[in-house]
């Protein structure tokens, strides 16, 4: 059985540095920035292990200019090799 996780995160950043924050977030493995509206940055984090998500999202706070992060969505897709499809 394998898992694939997708998290939606709202990152609030200082508007004066939000462009640089968005660039740094985009540079992280498994992270994609979808929108940046004056410091309100919408991000998805994707990957196989949910424990990595908590760590990665916590690390967003280490980026200079990040004021807060909020997990707003989390989906886990499970592929069970023992399940017959069709």
Protein backbone atom coordinates (compact mmCIF):
# COMPACT_ATOMS: atom_id res chain seq x y z
CA UNK A 1 0.00 0.00 0.00
CA UNK A 2 1.30 3.46 -0.87
CA UNK A 3 0.11 6.94 0.05
CA UNK A 4 0.21 10.23 -1.77
CA UNK A 5 -0.53 13.39 0.21
CA UNK A 6 -1.60 16.83 -0.96
CA UNK A 7 -1.78 19.78 1.43
CA UNK A 8 -3.10 23.27 0.78
CA UNK A 9 -1.42 25.93 2.88
CA UNK A 10 -2.03 29.65 3.31
CA UNK A 11 1.23 31.45 4.01
CA UNK A 12 0.96 35.01 5.26
CA UNK A 13 4.05 37.09 4.51
CA UNK A 14 5.04 40.71 4.87
CA UNK A 15 3.79 42.36 1.65
CA UNK A 16 7.13 44.11 1.11
CA UNK A 17 9.00 40.79 0.79
CA UNK A 18 6.23 38.44 -0.37
CA UNK A 19 7.69 38.05 -3.85
CA UNK A 20 10.98 36.78 -2.41
CA UNK A 21 9.12 34.53 0.04
CA UNK A 22 7.13 33.03 -2.84
CA UNK A 23 10.36 32.37 -4.77
CA UNK A 24 11.91 30.61 -1.76
CA UNK A 25 8.79 28.49 -1.23
CA UNK A 26 8.73 27.51 -4.92
CA UNK A 27 12.36 26.38 -4.63
CA UNK A 28 11.47 23.78 -1.99
CA UNK A 29 11.02 20.19 -3.14
CA UNK A 30 7.33 19.24 -3.43
CA UNK A 31 6.12 22.82 -2.90
CA UNK A 32 4.30 24.90 -5.51
CA UNK A 33 3.09 28.49 -5.17
CA UNK A 34 -0.23 29.09 -6.93
CA UNK A 35 -0.98 32.70 -5.99
CA UNK A 36 0.50 35.66 -4.16
CA UNK A 37 -1.86 38.51 -3.36
CA UNK A 38 0.01 41.16 -1.39
CA UNK A 39 1.47 38.64 1.06
CA UNK A 40 -1.34 36.09 1.04
CA UNK A 41 0.42 33.15 -0.60
CA UNK A 42 -1.45 30.00 -1.62
CA UNK A 43 0.81 26.92 -1.65
CA UNK A 44 0.41 23.20 -2.24
CA UNK A 45 2.75 20.61 -0.76
CA UNK A 46 2.75 17.15 -2.35
CA UNK A 47 4.52 13.90 -1.55
CA UNK A 48 4.37 10.38 -0.19
CA UNK A 49 4.73 10.83 3.59
CA UNK A 50 2.48 12.91 5.85
CA UNK A 51 5.16 13.23 8.58
CA UNK A 52 7.32 15.18 6.14
CA UNK A 53 4.50 17.66 5.61
CA UNK A 54 4.37 18.81 9.22
CA UNK A 55 8.13 19.33 9.20
CA UNK A 56 8.14 21.09 5.83
CA UNK A 57 5.24 23.40 6.70
CA UNK A 58 6.91 24.24 10.02
CA UNK A 59 10.07 25.15 8.11
CA UNK A 60 8.12 27.79 6.15
CA UNK A 61 8.28 29.90 9.32
CA UNK A 62 12.09 29.96 9.02
CA UNK A 63 11.85 31.98 5.80
CA UNK A 64 12.44 35.66 6.55
CA UNK A 65 9.22 37.58 6.04
CA UNK A 66 6.80 34.71 6.77
CA UNK A 67 4.33 35.82 9.44
CA UNK A 68 2.18 32.67 9.73
CA UNK A 69 1.16 29.44 8.04
CA UNK A 70 -2.23 27.72 8.09
CA UNK A 71 -3.01 24.24 6.83
CA UNK A 72 -6.35 24.60 5.04
CA UNK A 73 -6.60 21.28 3.17
CA UNK A 74 -5.12 17.79 3.43
CA UNK A 75 -5.95 14.82 1.21
CA UNK A 76 -4.47 11.34 1.39
CA UNK A 77 -4.82 9.05 -1.62
CA UNK A 78 -4.12 5.41 -0.82
CA UNK A 79 -3.16 2.90 -3.48
CA UNK A 80 -3.71 -0.53 -2.00
CA UNK A 81 -2.02 -3.17 -4.17
CA UNK A 82 -4.39 -5.80 -2.75
CA UNK A 83 -7.48 -4.00 -4.07
CA UNK A 84 -8.77 -5.24 -7.41
CA UNK A 85 -9.77 -2.44 -9.78
CA UNK A 86 -12.28 -3.00 -12.52
